[in-house]
Amino acid sequence: MARAQAVRRIYQRAAARYDSSGIAQVVDRLRGRVLREASGDVLDLGVGAGATFGFYSHAVRRVTGVDVSRAMLDRAYAAATGLAFGVDLLEVDFQMLTFRDRSFDTVVSSLALCGVPDPGALFGEIARVLRPGGRLLAVEHVRPRFPGLGVVADLSVPVTERLVGCSFNRRTPELARAAGFAVRELDRKMLGVFVAFVATPPG
């Protein structure tokens, strides 16, 4: 809980300027690549300011967006105006999901898995709430594959965890595979730092 409170403070302060950087353009290209595959009832983890909404297709029926920051959700409410699908927004710490088993057809994460203290437990929760045939669609920044850059990412973790609430050396696709997911990478950008992937839970 202490970690969640620290992350909440970071994103409360960042809400006004979030998604305004040049890096956001790179992330948007990856979002466009993977989020078009979302369908049915969608759980959007770390929905933030609602930057994912514009990438969903007509196949999406309803989006449940969860985030730890009320200021971020206030921006997401504005972004949800006039959308073709329904949107529910909840202020919660999504490390442990409170939804019933098999509640969603798609789970989406866009730069949200990097700050979860126990990613293995969260992947278990994602598998639990997905319906048969459901998938996780994700855009994440991960540890670079180039050795030198990887070391820099490792050394940066104490700073990035304190300033932006996440680990820049998180190997998210590999962690999903370790949790039993079948992972298909769609694209990488910026020397492999940002990745878009689709993950299907076991069973």
Protein backbone atom coordinates (compact mmCIF):
# COMPACT_ATOMS: atom_id res chain seq x y z
CA MET A 1 0.00 0.00 0.00
CA ALA A 2 2.86 2.42 0.77
CA ARG A 3 4.16 1.97 -2.79
CA ALA A 4 0.70 2.68 -4.20
CA GLN A 5 0.46 5.90 -2.18
CA ALA A 6 3.84 7.06 -3.50
CA VAL A 7 2.80 6.36 -7.10
CA ARG A 8 -0.49 8.16 -6.51
CA ARG A 9 1.37 11.30 -5.39
CA ILE A 10 3.64 11.17 -8.46
CA TYR A 11 0.75 10.96 -10.94
CA GLN A 12 -1.39 13.48 -9.12
CA ARG A 13 1.39 16.00 -9.74
CA ALA A 14 2.04 14.82 -13.32
CA ALA A 15 -1.56 14.74 -14.54
CA ALA A 16 -1.59 18.20 -16.12
CA ARG A 17 1.36 17.52 -18.42
CA TYR A 18 1.18 13.75 -18.89
CA ASP A 19 1.30 12.41 -22.48
CA SER A 20 2.61 15.72 -23.85
CA SER A 21 6.20 14.66 -24.59
CA GLY A 22 7.78 13.59 -27.86
CA ILE A 23 8.03 10.06 -26.47
CA ALA A 24 4.23 10.03 -26.38
CA GLN A 25 4.25 10.07 -30.20
CA VAL A 26 6.33 6.88 -30.26
CA VAL A 27 4.03 5.28 -27.70
CA ASP A 28 0.99 6.30 -29.75
CA ARG A 29 2.35 4.50 -32.79
CA LEU A 30 2.67 1.34 -30.73
CA ARG A 31 -0.79 1.83 -29.25
CA GLY A 32 -2.18 2.09 -32.76
CA ARG A 33 -0.47 -1.20 -33.62
CA VAL A 34 -1.82 -3.28 -30.74
CA LEU A 35 -4.96 -1.67 -29.28
CA ARG A 36 -6.95 -2.09 -32.49
CA GLU A 37 -7.11 -5.77 -31.50
CA ALA A 38 -9.17 -4.99 -28.37
CA SER A 39 -12.76 -6.21 -28.38
CA GLY A 40 -15.78 -6.76 -26.16
CA ASP A 41 -15.52 -5.76 -22.51
CA VAL A 42 -12.11 -4.17 -21.89
CA LEU A 43 -10.23 -3.66 -18.61
CA ASP A 44 -7.76 -0.79 -19.03
CA LEU A 45 -5.09 -0.98 -16.32
CA GLY A 46 -3.56 2.37 -15.41
CA VAL A 47 -5.94 4.18 -17.73
CA GLY A 48 -4.36 7.51 -16.80
CA ALA A 49 -5.70 10.43 -18.84
CA GLY A 50 -7.55 8.16 -21.27
CA ALA A 51 -4.88 8.23 -23.97
CA THR A 52 -5.88 4.72 -25.08
CA PHE A 53 -9.52 5.57 -25.85
CA GLY A 54 -8.91 6.89 -29.35
CA PHE A 55 -7.24 3.65 -30.47
CA TYR A 56 -10.14 1.31 -29.72
CA SER A 57 -12.21 0.03 -32.65
CA HIS A 58 -15.95 -0.50 -33.00
CA ALA A 59 -15.40 -4.04 -31.68
CA VAL A 60 -15.09 -2.63 -28.15
CA ARG A 61 -18.36 -2.71 -26.20
CA ARG A 62 -17.35 -1.20 -22.84
CA VAL A 63 -14.15 -0.05 -21.15
CA THR A 64 -13.51 -0.24 -17.42
CA GLY A 65 -10.55 2.00 -16.68
CA VAL A 66 -8.73 1.81 -13.36
CA ASP A 67 -6.07 4.15 -12.03
CA VAL A 68 -4.51 5.10 -8.73
CA SER A 69 -4.74 8.86 -9.42
CA ARG A 70 -7.95 10.88 -9.17
CA ALA A 71 -6.37 13.75 -11.13
CA MET A 72 -5.61 11.37 -14.01
CA LEU A 73 -9.15 10.01 -13.92
CA ASP A 74 -10.56 13.55 -14.10
CA ARG A 75 -8.76 13.91 -17.43
CA ALA A 76 -9.99 10.49 -18.53
CA TYR A 77 -13.59 11.54 -17.83
CA ALA A 78 -13.14 14.43 -20.27
CA ALA A 79 -11.53 12.14 -22.86
CA ALA A 80 -14.47 9.71 -22.61
CA THR A 81 -17.01 12.27 -23.84
CA GLY A 82 -18.73 11.25 -27.06
CA LEU A 83 -17.15 7.81 -27.42
CA ALA A 84 -19.06 5.03 -29.18
CA PHE A 85 -18.56 2.65 -26.24
CA GLY A 86 -19.38 2.97 -22.57
CA VAL A 87 -16.68 3.88 -20.05
CA ASP A 88 -16.50 3.20 -16.32
CA LEU A 89 -13.63 4.76 -14.37
CA LEU A 90 -12.51 3.55 -10.96
CA GLU A 91 -9.89 4.95 -8.58
CA VAL A 92 -8.19 1.82 -7.29
CA ASP A 93 -4.77 0.27 -6.82
CA PHE A 94 -4.93 -2.43 -9.50
CA GLN A 95 -2.20 -4.66 -8.05
CA MET A 96 -5.01 -6.90 -6.84
CA LEU A 97 -8.07 -6.91 -9.07
CA THR A 98 -11.47 -7.00 -7.37
CA PHE A 99 -13.44 -8.12 -10.42
CA ARG A 100 -15.12 -11.50 -10.75
CA ASP A 101 -13.52 -14.35 -12.64
CA ARG A 102 -13.94 -14.16 -16.43
CA SER A 103 -15.23 -10.57 -16.43
CA PHE A 104 -13.38 -9.23 -19.49
CA ASP A 105 -12.62 -10.14 -23.08
CA THR A 106 -9.51 -7.95 -23.23
CA VAL A 107 -7.11 -6.50 -20.67
CA VAL A 108 -5.04 -3.51 -21.79
CA SER A 109 -1.94 -2.00 -20.23
CA SER A 110 -0.22 1.08 -21.61
CA LEU A 111 2.91 1.92 -19.60
CA ALA A 112 1.36 0.59 -16.40
CA LEU A 113 3.04 -2.76 -15.68
CA CYS A 114 6.46 -1.23 -15.03
CA GLY A 115 5.54 0.00 -11.56
CA VAL A 116 3.79 -3.06 -10.12
CA PRO A 117 5.83 -4.51 -7.23
CA ASP A 118 4.73 -8.12 -7.88
CA PRO A 119 4.15 -8.55 -11.64
CA GLY A 120 3.78 -12.32 -11.30
CA ALA A 121 0.81 -11.91 -8.97
CA LEU A 122 -0.77 -9.34 -11.30
CA PHE A 123 -0.37 -11.63 -14.32
CA GLY A 124 -2.20 -14.28 -12.32
CA GLU A 125 -5.00 -11.82 -11.67
CA ILE A 126 -5.14 -10.84 -15.35
CA ALA A 127 -5.48 -14.50 -16.32
CA ARG A 128 -8.25 -14.90 -13.75
CA VAL A 129 -10.42 -12.01 -14.98
CA LEU A 130 -10.04 -12.83 -18.67
CA ARG A 131 -12.74 -14.88 -20.38
CA PRO A 132 -11.78 -17.94 -22.44
CA GLY A 133 -10.02 -16.69 -25.57
CA GLY A 134 -9.25 -13.34 -23.93
CA ARG A 135 -5.89 -11.59 -24.26
CA LEU A 136 -3.66 -8.98 -22.68
CA LEU A 137 -2.67 -6.17 -25.08
CA ALA A 138 0.24 -4.10 -23.84
CA VAL A 139 2.55 -1.23 -24.67
CA GLU A 140 5.40 -1.04 -22.19
CA HIS A 141 8.88 0.38 -21.78
CA VAL A 142 11.29 -2.43 -20.97
CA ARG A 143 14.95 -3.11 -20.31
CA PRO A 144 16.87 -2.44 -23.56
CA ARG A 145 18.43 -5.46 -25.24
CA PHE A 146 21.70 -3.63 -25.93
CA PRO A 147 24.05 -4.52 -23.04
CA GLY A 148 25.27 -0.98 -22.38
CA LEU A 149 21.80 0.51 -22.37
CA GLY A 150 20.60 -2.34 -20.18
CA VAL A 151 23.19 -1.49 -17.55
CA VAL A 152 22.13 2.16 -17.66
CA ALA A 153 18.51 1.07 -17.14
CA ASP A 154 19.56 -1.08 -14.19
CA LEU A 155 21.44 1.78 -12.56
CA SER A 156 18.54 4.19 -13.10
CA VAL A 157 15.96 2.16 -11.19
CA PRO A 158 16.37 3.81 -7.74
CA VAL A 159 15.88 7.22 -9.37
CA THR A 160 13.02 6.30 -11.71
CA GLU A 161 11.11 4.47 -8.99
CA ARG A 162 11.29 7.58 -6.81
CA LEU A 163 10.54 10.15 -9.54
CA VAL A 164 8.08 8.41 -11.87
CA GLY A 165 7.02 5.33 -9.92
CA CYS A 166 8.36 2.67 -12.29
CA SER A 167 11.36 0.48 -13.09
CA PHE A 168 13.13 1.18 -16.39
CA ASN A 169 14.71 -2.28 -16.42
CA ARG A 170 11.49 -4.31 -16.19
CA ARG A 171 11.50 -7.30 -18.60
CA THR A 172 7.73 -7.39 -18.98
CA PRO A 173 7.32 -9.81 -21.94
CA GLU A 174 9.66 -12.29 -20.24
CA LEU A 175 7.74 -11.94 -16.96
CA ALA A 176 4.48 -12.67 -18.79
CA ARG A 177 6.03 -15.80 -20.30
CA ALA A 178 7.25 -16.87 -16.85
CA ALA A 179 3.63 -16.55 -15.65
CA GLY A 180 2.54 -18.99 -18.36
CA PHE A 181 1.35 -16.52 -21.00
CA ALA A 182 2.08 -17.06 -24.69
CA VAL A 183 3.60 -13.77 -25.83
CA ARG A 184 3.69 -12.38 -29.37
CA GLU A 185 5.71 -9.19 -29.81
CA LEU A 186 4.37 -6.91 -32.53
CA ASP A 187 6.92 -4.10 -32.61
CA ARG A 188 9.72 -2.35 -30.74
CA LYS A 189 10.75 1.30 -30.92
CA MET A 190 13.58 3.52 -29.68
CA LEU A 191 16.32 0.88 -29.59
CA GLY A 192 13.90 -1.66 -28.18
CA VAL A 193 12.98 0.37 -25.12
CA PHE A 194 9.26 0.44 -26.02
CA VAL A 195 7.46 -2.73 -27.02
CA ALA A 196 3.93 -3.64 -28.11
CA PHE A 197 2.87 -7.22 -27.45
CA VAL A 198 -0.09 -9.56 -27.19
CA ALA A 199 -0.19 -12.13 -24.38
CA THR A 200 -2.57 -15.08 -24.09
CA PRO A 201 -2.99 -16.67 -20.66
CA PRO A 202 -2.46 -20.39 -20.05
CA GLY A 203 -5.39 -22.74 -20.50
